[in-house]
């Protein structure tokens, strides 16, 4: 079983999540009642709709993770699953994403905001502020 399939199987059991086709057209998605939360694009690559506000709050922690990548300005974070600890990180971030989506309206991250899959290269977090 691939790491992504293992993570997807665990998350699909959560009562707040259900499987769906992702709006980007690649892979499989998990949705809450507020919309898409995660896109599983390959055996190792996951995009998570964390929200801009949550990314700002977690910036210091996200910077130190080699598994997390982000496209500047995107409310989605990309996670590369290389080890079981990356699955643990993904599960934690999905929990935070659900809290972010349910705690307050996600006004700046409208539903038309697509995941990182078909965008320009995803940069390591430490490079997100360069330029």
Protein backbone atom coordinates (compact mmCIF):
# COMPACT_ATOMS: atom_id res chain seq x y z
CA UNK A 1 0.00 0.00 0.00
CA UNK A 2 1.41 3.40 -0.95
CA UNK A 3 1.78 6.14 1.63
CA UNK A 4 -0.90 8.25 -0.05
CA UNK A 5 -3.34 5.35 -0.18
CA UNK A 6 -2.63 4.57 3.47
CA UNK A 7 -3.29 8.21 4.44
CA UNK A 8 -6.39 8.44 2.23
CA UNK A 9 -7.80 5.26 3.78
CA UNK A 10 -7.31 6.66 7.29
CA UNK A 11 -8.80 10.06 6.45
CA UNK A 12 -11.77 8.61 4.56
CA UNK A 13 -12.89 7.09 7.87
CA UNK A 14 -13.16 10.49 9.53
CA UNK A 15 -16.82 11.47 9.95
CA UNK A 16 -16.28 15.00 8.60
CA UNK A 17 -14.71 13.82 5.33
CA UNK A 18 -15.99 12.07 2.22
CA UNK A 19 -14.34 10.99 -1.02
CA UNK A 20 -14.93 12.87 -4.26
CA UNK A 21 -13.35 13.71 -7.59
CA UNK A 22 -11.05 16.74 -7.24
CA UNK A 23 -11.96 19.90 -9.14
CA UNK A 24 -8.45 19.93 -10.65
CA UNK A 25 -9.15 16.60 -12.36
CA UNK A 26 -6.10 14.75 -11.01
CA UNK A 27 -6.33 11.94 -8.47
CA UNK A 28 -8.86 11.70 -5.64
CA UNK A 29 -10.18 14.25 -3.17
CA UNK A 30 -11.53 14.40 0.34
CA UNK A 31 -14.26 16.95 1.09
CA UNK A 32 -15.93 18.39 4.14
CA UNK A 33 -19.36 19.97 4.12
CA UNK A 34 -17.59 23.27 3.27
CA UNK A 35 -15.74 21.97 0.21
CA UNK A 36 -12.59 20.20 -0.88
CA UNK A 37 -9.92 19.73 1.78
CA UNK A 38 -7.32 17.41 0.24
CA UNK A 39 -6.29 16.25 -3.21
CA UNK A 40 -4.27 13.05 -3.51
CA UNK A 41 -2.48 13.53 -6.84
CA UNK A 42 -0.07 10.58 -6.83
CA UNK A 43 1.36 7.86 -4.62
CA UNK A 44 3.26 10.54 -2.68
CA UNK A 45 1.83 13.99 -3.46
CA UNK A 46 -1.04 15.61 -1.61
CA UNK A 47 -2.39 19.16 -1.78
CA UNK A 48 -4.18 20.35 1.35
CA UNK A 49 -6.52 23.36 1.44
CA UNK A 50 -5.18 24.75 4.72
CA UNK A 51 -6.32 28.39 4.11
CA UNK A 52 -4.15 31.50 3.97
CA UNK A 53 -4.95 32.39 7.58
CA UNK A 54 -3.92 28.97 8.89
CA UNK A 55 -0.73 29.01 6.80
CA UNK A 56 0.18 32.38 8.32
CA UNK A 57 -0.44 31.08 11.85
CA UNK A 58 1.61 27.93 11.25
CA UNK A 59 4.37 29.52 9.18
CA UNK A 60 7.23 28.85 11.60
CA UNK A 61 6.27 25.19 11.96
CA UNK A 62 5.71 24.70 8.23
CA UNK A 63 9.12 26.20 7.44
CA UNK A 64 10.99 23.46 9.26
CA UNK A 65 9.25 20.55 7.55
CA UNK A 66 11.01 19.13 4.52
CA UNK A 67 7.73 17.46 3.50
CA UNK A 68 5.78 20.72 3.16
CA UNK A 69 5.93 22.93 0.08
CA UNK A 70 3.92 25.98 -0.74
CA UNK A 71 3.20 28.20 -3.66
CA UNK A 72 3.33 31.83 -2.51
CA UNK A 73 -0.17 33.25 -2.08
CA UNK A 74 -1.90 29.86 -2.36
CA UNK A 75 -4.23 28.66 0.41
CA UNK A 76 -3.12 25.10 -0.45
CA UNK A 77 0.02 23.44 0.91
CA UNK A 78 1.66 20.55 -0.92
CA UNK A 79 2.91 17.62 1.11
CA UNK A 80 5.33 15.02 -0.17
CA UNK A 81 4.81 11.71 1.60
CA UNK A 82 8.18 9.98 1.99
CA UNK A 83 7.79 8.32 5.41
CA UNK A 84 5.17 7.36 7.98
CA UNK A 85 5.95 10.55 9.89
CA UNK A 86 4.77 12.52 6.83
CA UNK A 87 1.40 10.76 7.13
CA UNK A 88 1.25 11.83 10.78
CA UNK A 89 1.99 15.40 9.68
CA UNK A 90 -0.72 15.22 7.01
CA UNK A 91 -3.30 13.94 9.50
CA UNK A 92 -2.45 16.78 11.88
CA UNK A 93 -2.68 19.38 9.10
CA UNK A 94 -5.99 17.95 7.85
CA UNK A 95 -7.36 18.33 11.38
CA UNK A 96 -6.16 21.95 11.42
CA UNK A 97 -7.64 22.54 7.95
CA UNK A 98 -11.02 21.25 9.12
CA UNK A 99 -10.86 23.56 12.14
CA UNK A 100 -9.90 26.50 9.92
CA UNK A 101 -12.80 25.83 7.55
CA UNK A 102 -15.36 25.37 10.33
CA UNK A 103 -14.20 28.04 12.79
CA UNK A 104 -14.75 31.01 10.51
CA UNK A 105 -15.68 31.75 6.90
CA UNK A 106 -12.84 31.37 4.42
CA UNK A 107 -13.51 34.67 2.68
CA UNK A 108 -10.19 35.25 0.92
CA UNK A 109 -9.84 31.66 -0.25
CA UNK A 110 -12.95 31.39 -2.43
CA UNK A 111 -13.98 28.03 -3.90
CA UNK A 112 -12.55 28.98 -7.29
CA UNK A 113 -9.03 28.91 -5.82
CA UNK A 114 -7.52 25.77 -7.32
CA UNK A 115 -4.95 23.51 -5.73
CA UNK A 116 -1.25 23.67 -6.52
CA UNK A 117 -1.23 20.70 -8.94
CA UNK A 118 -1.44 22.64 -12.22
CA UNK A 119 0.30 25.80 -11.07
CA UNK A 120 3.92 26.86 -11.34
CA UNK A 121 6.55 24.93 -9.42
CA UNK A 122 5.88 24.57 -5.73
CA UNK A 123 8.67 26.16 -3.72
CA UNK A 124 10.13 25.01 -0.42
CA UNK A 125 8.63 27.03 2.42
CA UNK A 126 11.92 28.85 3.18
CA UNK A 127 11.93 30.27 -0.38
CA UNK A 128 8.35 31.48 -0.30
CA UNK A 129 9.30 34.98 0.92
CA UNK A 130 12.25 35.56 -1.42
CA UNK A 131 11.98 37.90 -4.32
